[in-house]
Amino acid sequence: MSEETLLEFPCAFPLKVMGLNQPAFEQYVVEIVRIHAGSAALSTVHTRPSRNGRYIAVTINFTAASKAQLDDIYRALSSSDQVLFLL
């Protein structure tokens, strides 16, 4: 039984991950995506601190190869206690 998705793979995919503004958070998020998607799939990485600087949002644009790959990335990030919110 195949799962339906509205995405057609491969596709450009923006992933936004929010956590506490700590020095290694951006690198942590990038490394998780790199493990599952590979370095060649990464396009751009943008970071933006919250207004008070306590939190940081990391947006990674990458080429997603499959729904299973996206599921693995979301599973890895959402299981981390460093990640507070994931879009």
N, C-alpha and C. Protein backbone atom coordinates (compact mmCIF):
# COMPACT_ATOMS: atom_id res chain seq x y z
N MET A 1 0.84 -1.17 0.00
CA MET A 1 0.00 0.00 0.00
C MET A 1 0.88 1.24 0.00
N SER A 2 0.74 2.10 -0.98
CA SER A 2 1.56 3.30 -1.06
C SER A 2 0.83 4.47 -0.42
N GLU A 3 1.63 5.34 0.21
CA GLU A 3 1.06 6.53 0.82
C GLU A 3 0.97 7.62 -0.23
N GLU A 4 -0.15 8.33 -0.23
CA GLU A 4 -0.33 9.41 -1.19
C GLU A 4 0.32 10.68 -0.67
N THR A 5 0.83 11.47 -1.59
CA THR A 5 1.40 12.77 -1.26
C THR A 5 1.12 13.71 -2.42
N LEU A 6 1.02 14.98 -2.11
CA LEU A 6 0.79 15.97 -3.15
C LEU A 6 2.09 16.41 -3.80
N LEU A 7 3.20 16.01 -3.23
CA LEU A 7 4.51 16.38 -3.77
C LEU A 7 4.92 15.43 -4.88
N GLU A 8 5.62 15.96 -5.86
CA GLU A 8 6.22 15.14 -6.91
C GLU A 8 7.73 15.17 -6.69
N PHE A 9 8.31 14.00 -6.54
CA PHE A 9 9.74 13.90 -6.22
C PHE A 9 10.55 13.60 -7.46
N PRO A 10 11.78 14.11 -7.50
CA PRO A 10 12.42 15.01 -6.55
C PRO A 10 11.82 16.41 -6.63
N CYS A 11 11.91 17.14 -5.52
CA CYS A 11 11.36 18.50 -5.49
C CYS A 11 12.16 19.36 -4.52
N ALA A 12 12.09 20.66 -4.76
CA ALA A 12 12.69 21.62 -3.83
C ALA A 12 11.81 21.66 -2.60
N PHE A 13 12.43 21.61 -1.42
CA PHE A 13 11.66 21.54 -0.19
C PHE A 13 12.26 22.48 0.86
N PRO A 14 11.46 23.40 1.40
CA PRO A 14 11.94 24.26 2.49
C PRO A 14 11.57 23.65 3.84
N LEU A 15 12.52 23.55 4.72
CA LEU A 15 12.31 22.99 6.04
C LEU A 15 12.68 24.06 7.07
N LYS A 16 11.77 24.36 7.99
CA LYS A 16 12.04 25.35 9.03
C LYS A 16 12.06 24.65 10.37
N VAL A 17 13.15 24.87 11.12
CA VAL A 17 13.35 24.23 12.41
C VAL A 17 13.67 25.32 13.43
N MET A 18 12.97 25.30 14.57
CA MET A 18 13.19 26.30 15.60
C MET A 18 13.67 25.65 16.88
N GLY A 19 14.58 26.35 17.56
CA GLY A 19 15.12 25.87 18.82
C GLY A 19 15.71 27.01 19.61
N LEU A 20 16.32 26.69 20.74
CA LEU A 20 16.99 27.72 21.54
C LEU A 20 18.19 28.24 20.77
N ASN A 21 18.47 29.52 20.90
CA ASN A 21 19.58 30.16 20.19
C ASN A 21 20.89 29.76 20.86
N GLN A 22 21.42 28.63 20.44
CA GLN A 22 22.69 28.11 20.93
C GLN A 22 23.66 28.02 19.77
N PRO A 23 24.96 28.18 20.02
CA PRO A 23 25.94 28.22 18.94
C PRO A 23 25.91 27.03 17.98
N ALA A 24 25.64 25.84 18.45
CA ALA A 24 25.74 24.65 17.60
C ALA A 24 24.40 24.24 16.98
N PHE A 25 23.32 24.98 17.23
CA PHE A 25 22.00 24.53 16.77
C PHE A 25 21.92 24.49 15.24
N GLU A 26 22.37 25.54 14.57
CA GLU A 26 22.31 25.55 13.09
C GLU A 26 23.08 24.37 12.51
N GLN A 27 24.28 24.14 12.98
CA GLN A 27 25.10 23.04 12.47
C GLN A 27 24.45 21.70 12.74
N TYR A 28 23.81 21.55 13.89
CA TYR A 28 23.12 20.32 14.23
C TYR A 28 22.01 20.02 13.23
N VAL A 29 21.20 21.03 12.93
CA VAL A 29 20.08 20.86 11.99
C VAL A 29 20.60 20.54 10.59
N VAL A 30 21.60 21.27 10.15
CA VAL A 30 22.18 21.03 8.82
C VAL A 30 22.74 19.61 8.73
N GLU A 31 23.38 19.14 9.78
CA GLU A 31 23.97 17.80 9.76
C GLU A 31 22.91 16.71 9.67
N ILE A 32 21.79 16.88 10.37
CA ILE A 32 20.70 15.90 10.29
C ILE A 32 20.17 15.82 8.86
N VAL A 33 19.95 16.98 8.23
CA VAL A 33 19.46 16.98 6.85
C VAL A 33 20.51 16.38 5.92
N ARG A 34 21.77 16.72 6.13
CA ARG A 34 22.86 16.19 5.29
C ARG A 34 22.95 14.67 5.40
N ILE A 35 22.75 14.12 6.57
CA ILE A 35 22.81 12.67 6.76
C ILE A 35 21.76 11.97 5.90
N HIS A 36 20.57 12.55 5.84
CA HIS A 36 19.46 11.91 5.12
C HIS A 36 19.35 12.31 3.65
N ALA A 37 19.81 13.51 3.31
CA ALA A 37 19.64 13.99 1.93
C ALA A 37 20.95 14.09 1.16
N GLY A 38 22.07 14.13 1.86
CA GLY A 38 23.36 14.28 1.19
C GLY A 38 23.72 15.74 1.01
N SER A 39 25.00 16.02 0.95
CA SER A 39 25.47 17.41 0.81
C SER A 39 25.04 18.05 -0.49
N ALA A 40 25.00 17.27 -1.56
CA ALA A 40 24.65 17.82 -2.87
C ALA A 40 23.21 18.32 -2.91
N ALA A 41 22.35 17.78 -2.07
CA ALA A 41 20.93 18.16 -2.08
C ALA A 41 20.69 19.50 -1.40
N LEU A 42 21.61 19.94 -0.53
CA LEU A 42 21.42 21.19 0.19
C LEU A 42 21.58 22.38 -0.74
N SER A 43 20.66 23.31 -0.65
CA SER A 43 20.69 24.49 -1.50
C SER A 43 21.11 25.72 -0.70
N THR A 44 20.25 26.15 0.22
CA THR A 44 20.56 27.32 1.04
C THR A 44 20.17 27.07 2.49
N VAL A 45 20.85 27.79 3.37
CA VAL A 45 20.55 27.74 4.80
C VAL A 45 20.46 29.18 5.29
N HIS A 46 19.34 29.51 5.92
CA HIS A 46 19.14 30.85 6.48
C HIS A 46 18.81 30.70 7.96
N THR A 47 19.34 31.61 8.76
CA THR A 47 18.99 31.62 10.18
C THR A 47 18.44 32.98 10.54
N ARG A 48 17.52 32.96 11.50
CA ARG A 48 16.94 34.21 11.97
C ARG A 48 16.65 34.08 13.46
N PRO A 49 17.24 34.97 14.27
CA PRO A 49 16.94 34.92 15.70
C PRO A 49 15.57 35.53 15.98
N SER A 50 15.00 35.14 17.10
CA SER A 50 13.73 35.74 17.52
C SER A 50 13.98 37.18 17.94
N ARG A 51 12.91 37.90 18.16
CA ARG A 51 13.03 39.31 18.51
C ARG A 51 13.88 39.52 19.76
N ASN A 52 13.70 38.67 20.75
CA ASN A 52 14.48 38.82 21.99
C ASN A 52 15.80 38.04 21.97
N GLY A 53 16.04 37.28 20.89
CA GLY A 53 17.30 36.55 20.74
C GLY A 53 17.37 35.23 21.48
N ARG A 54 16.30 34.83 22.13
CA ARG A 54 16.32 33.58 22.89
C ARG A 54 16.21 32.35 21.98
N TYR A 55 15.50 32.49 20.86
CA TYR A 55 15.27 31.37 19.95
C TYR A 55 15.88 31.68 18.59
N ILE A 56 16.03 30.63 17.80
CA ILE A 56 16.55 30.80 16.44
C ILE A 56 15.75 29.89 15.49
N ALA A 57 15.50 30.41 14.30
CA ALA A 57 14.84 29.62 13.25
C ALA A 57 15.86 29.35 12.16
N VAL A 58 15.98 28.09 11.80
CA VAL A 58 16.89 27.69 10.72
C VAL A 58 16.02 27.18 9.57
N THR A 59 16.15 27.80 8.41
CA THR A 59 15.42 27.37 7.23
C THR A 59 16.43 26.77 6.25
N ILE A 60 16.18 25.52 5.89
CA ILE A 60 17.05 24.81 4.95
C ILE A 60 16.24 24.49 3.71
N ASN A 61 16.74 24.91 2.57
CA ASN A 61 16.14 24.54 1.28
C ASN A 61 17.01 23.43 0.70
N PHE A 62 16.35 22.33 0.35
CA PHE A 62 17.10 21.20 -0.20
C PHE A 62 16.22 20.46 -1.20
N THR A 63 16.82 19.56 -1.93
CA THR A 63 16.09 18.73 -2.88
C THR A 63 15.70 17.43 -2.19
N ALA A 64 14.39 17.24 -2.03
CA ALA A 64 13.88 16.02 -1.40
C ALA A 64 13.69 14.96 -2.47
N ALA A 65 14.19 13.77 -2.20
CA ALA A 65 14.14 12.69 -3.18
C ALA A 65 12.89 11.83 -3.06
N SER A 66 12.32 11.75 -1.84
CA SER A 66 11.16 10.87 -1.64
C SER A 66 10.43 11.24 -0.35
N LYS A 67 9.22 10.73 -0.23
CA LYS A 67 8.44 10.93 0.99
C LYS A 67 9.12 10.22 2.16
N ALA A 68 9.67 9.05 1.92
CA ALA A 68 10.37 8.31 2.97
C ALA A 68 11.55 9.12 3.51
N GLN A 69 12.27 9.79 2.62
CA GLN A 69 13.39 10.62 3.04
C GLN A 69 12.90 11.77 3.93
N LEU A 70 11.83 12.43 3.52
CA LEU A 70 11.26 13.51 4.34
C LEU A 70 10.80 12.99 5.69
N ASP A 71 10.15 11.84 5.70
CA ASP A 71 9.70 11.23 6.95
C ASP A 71 10.88 10.97 7.88
N ASP A 72 11.98 10.47 7.34
CA ASP A 72 13.17 10.19 8.14
C ASP A 72 13.75 11.47 8.74
N ILE A 73 13.80 12.54 7.94
CA ILE A 73 14.33 13.83 8.42
C ILE A 73 13.42 14.37 9.53
N TYR A 74 12.12 14.37 9.30
CA TYR A 74 11.18 14.87 10.31
C TYR A 74 11.25 14.03 11.58
N ARG A 75 11.37 12.74 11.45
CA ARG A 75 11.46 11.85 12.61
C ARG A 75 12.73 12.15 13.42
N ALA A 76 13.85 12.30 12.73
CA ALA A 76 15.12 12.57 13.42
C ALA A 76 15.09 13.91 14.14
N LEU A 77 14.56 14.93 13.48
CA LEU A 77 14.53 16.25 14.10
C LEU A 77 13.49 16.34 15.22
N SER A 78 12.32 15.77 15.01
CA SER A 78 11.28 15.88 16.04
C SER A 78 11.60 15.05 17.28
N SER A 79 12.47 14.07 17.18
CA SER A 79 12.85 13.28 18.35
C SER A 79 13.96 13.96 19.16
N SER A 80 14.52 15.02 18.64
CA SER A 80 15.60 15.73 19.33
C SER A 80 15.03 16.70 20.37
N ASP A 81 15.63 16.72 21.56
CA ASP A 81 15.19 17.67 22.56
C ASP A 81 15.73 19.08 22.29
N GLN A 82 16.60 19.24 21.29
CA GLN A 82 17.07 20.57 20.89
C GLN A 82 16.05 21.30 20.03
N VAL A 83 15.19 20.53 19.34
CA VAL A 83 14.22 21.10 18.42
C VAL A 83 12.92 21.37 19.17
N LEU A 84 12.46 22.63 19.09
CA LEU A 84 11.23 23.02 19.77
C LEU A 84 10.03 22.99 18.84
N PHE A 85 10.26 23.29 17.56
CA PHE A 85 9.16 23.38 16.59
C PHE A 85 9.72 23.08 15.22
N LEU A 86 8.90 22.43 14.39
CA LEU A 86 9.35 21.97 13.09
C LEU A 86 8.25 22.16 12.07
N LEU A 87 8.56 22.82 10.96
CA LEU A 87 7.59 23.02 9.87
C LEU A 87 8.14 22.44 8.58
